[in-house]
Protein backbone atom coordinates (compact mmCIF):
# COMPACT_ATOMS: atom_id res chain seq x y z
CA MET A 1 -10.27 5.26 -27.05
CA ASN A 2 -14.00 6.21 -27.31
CA ARG A 3 -15.01 9.46 -26.00
CA SER A 4 -16.97 8.10 -23.05
CA LEU A 5 -13.50 6.27 -22.13
CA ARG A 6 -11.73 9.59 -22.68
CA ILE A 7 -14.09 11.66 -20.17
CA ALA A 8 -14.27 8.55 -17.77
CA VAL A 9 -10.21 8.70 -17.60
CA VAL A 10 -10.02 12.24 -17.08
CA LEU A 11 -13.03 12.38 -14.60
CA SER A 12 -11.45 9.75 -12.47
CA MET A 13 -7.82 11.50 -12.52
CA LEU A 14 -9.56 14.72 -11.45
CA LEU A 15 -12.17 13.31 -9.12
CA GLY A 16 -11.47 10.20 -7.80
CA GLY A 17 -8.95 7.24 -7.46
CA CYS A 18 -5.91 7.25 -5.31
CA ILE A 19 -3.21 10.04 -5.74
CA SER A 20 -0.10 8.53 -7.68
CA PRO A 21 2.16 7.65 -4.91
CA GLN A 22 5.34 9.99 -5.44
CA THR A 23 8.14 8.57 -3.12
CA GLU A 24 8.94 4.93 -2.75
CA GLU A 25 7.37 4.69 0.52
CA GLU A 26 4.12 5.88 -0.98
CA LEU A 27 4.70 3.18 -3.81
CA ALA A 28 5.51 0.05 -1.32
CA ALA A 29 2.26 1.39 0.37
CA CYS A 30 0.35 1.69 -2.95
CA ARG A 31 1.02 -1.78 -4.06
CA GLN A 32 0.10 -3.42 -0.80
CA ASP A 33 -3.38 -2.09 -1.65
CA LEU A 34 -5.29 -3.26 -4.17
CA THR A 35 -7.68 -0.20 -4.93
CA CYS A 36 -4.47 2.23 -4.58
CA TRP A 37 -2.20 -0.15 -6.95
CA SER A 38 -5.56 -0.75 -9.72
CA ASP A 39 -6.28 3.06 -9.61
CA LYS A 40 -2.60 3.53 -10.68
CA TYR A 41 -2.78 1.25 -13.65
CA TRP A 42 -6.16 1.46 -15.05
CA THR A 43 -5.87 4.55 -17.02
CA THR A 44 -2.82 2.68 -18.82
CA ALA A 45 -5.00 -0.75 -18.95
CA ALA A 46 -8.32 0.42 -20.09
CA PRO A 47 -7.30 1.86 -23.73
CA GLU A 48 -5.40 -1.28 -24.47
CA CYS A 49 -8.33 -3.42 -23.04
CA GLU A 50 -10.54 -1.35 -24.87
CA ARG A 51 -8.84 -1.96 -28.09
CA LEU A 52 -8.38 -5.95 -27.45
CA VAL A 53 -11.95 -6.20 -26.70
CA THR A 54 -12.90 -4.46 -29.54
CA GLU A 55 -10.42 -6.54 -31.96
CA SER A 56 -12.20 -9.92 -30.37
CA ALA A 57 -15.50 -8.89 -31.86
CA PRO A 58 -16.77 -11.26 -34.54
CA GLY A 59 -18.62 -8.64 -36.16
CA ARG A 60 -20.28 -5.57 -35.10
CA PHE A 61 -20.12 -4.57 -31.59
CA ARG A 62 -21.67 -1.65 -28.95
CA TRP A 63 -19.78 -0.05 -26.02
CA ASP A 64 -22.64 1.01 -23.33
CA LEU A 65 -20.06 3.60 -21.75
CA GLY A 66 -21.15 6.56 -19.92
CA ILE A 67 -20.32 8.63 -17.33
CA ARG A 68 -21.93 6.49 -14.74
CA VAL A 69 -21.14 3.28 -16.19
CA PRO A 70 -17.65 2.29 -15.52
CA MET A 71 -15.49 0.20 -18.24
CA PHE A 72 -14.54 -2.10 -15.39
CA ASP A 73 -17.34 -3.25 -12.56
CA SER A 74 -14.73 -5.54 -10.47
CA VAL A 75 -10.77 -5.58 -10.21
CA ALA A 76 -8.81 -8.60 -8.39
CA TRP A 77 -5.61 -9.39 -8.28
CA HIS A 78 -4.44 -11.82 -10.65
CA ASN A 79 -0.99 -12.22 -9.57
CA GLU A 80 -0.49 -10.22 -6.22
CA ALA A 81 3.44 -11.16 -5.92
CA ALA A 82 3.81 -9.96 -9.46
CA GLY A 83 1.71 -6.80 -8.99
CA ALA A 84 -0.68 -8.34 -12.21
CA VAL A 85 -4.36 -6.97 -11.58
CA LEU A 86 -7.25 -8.46 -13.19
CA TYR A 87 -9.81 -5.86 -14.62
CA GLU A 88 -13.55 -7.18 -15.18
CA GLY A 89 -16.63 -5.38 -17.11
CA GLN A 90 -19.37 -6.16 -19.24
CA VAL A 91 -20.45 -2.93 -20.88
CA ILE A 92 -20.17 -4.15 -24.38
CA ARG A 93 -22.32 -6.14 -26.77
CA PHE A 94 -21.40 -8.41 -29.48
CA LYS A 95 -24.14 -8.77 -32.59
CA MET A 96 -24.00 -12.38 -33.05
CA GLU A 97 -24.68 -14.31 -36.16
CA SER A 98 -28.47 -14.48 -35.08
CA GLY A 99 -28.66 -10.67 -35.56
CA ALA A 100 -29.34 -10.68 -31.41
CA TRP A 101 -26.91 -8.33 -29.18
CA GLN A 102 -25.02 -10.30 -26.75
CA ARG A 103 -23.68 -8.49 -23.47
CA MET A 104 -20.36 -9.86 -23.11
CA ARG A 105 -18.07 -10.19 -19.96
CA TYR A 106 -14.22 -9.55 -20.58
CA GLY A 107 -11.37 -9.66 -18.22
CA CYS A 108 -8.20 -7.96 -18.87
CA THR A 109 -5.05 -8.78 -16.85
CA TYR A 110 -2.35 -5.90 -16.92
CA ASP A 111 0.98 -6.48 -16.15
CA PRO A 112 2.57 -3.06 -14.64
CA ALA A 113 6.46 -4.88 -15.02
CA SER A 114 5.58 -5.05 -18.84
CA GLY A 115 3.25 -2.38 -19.30
CA VAL A 116 0.68 -4.60 -20.92
CA VAL A 117 -2.54 -6.66 -21.02
CA ALA A 118 -1.22 -10.06 -20.46
CA LEU A 119 -4.05 -12.00 -21.00
CA LEU A 120 -7.68 -11.60 -22.21
CA SER A 121 -10.74 -13.16 -21.39
CA ILE A 122 -14.27 -12.74 -23.21
CA ARG A 123 -17.25 -14.75 -22.50
CA PRO A 124 -20.85 -14.24 -22.71
CA ALA A 125 -22.45 -12.18 -19.80
CA GLU A 126 -24.59 -13.71 -17.44
């Protein structure tokens, strides 16, 4: 995990995000709230997503992460019934064959039941 991502994870745990549900009732309530549910799993999803996106680079790549630039700029339910969350972002650039740097949009679908990123999509950002 790169340094900026580690810092963002620590800051999120200290300053932001929902407090991890402790009781079954809190977990059930969290499960119904996309923000709470995605906050609960993003610290697990982010390092795996980073690894998969990086491994997909055709060559050189550059992350544009920072404290004020999160890895993910949106979250959505991929499969609400299963609790699978789609995390999306566009803070990586791939060096193309032409030599130009292309910002890429990636989507990582995290499945809490299996504990892995089950789907990955990468395309040029608009």
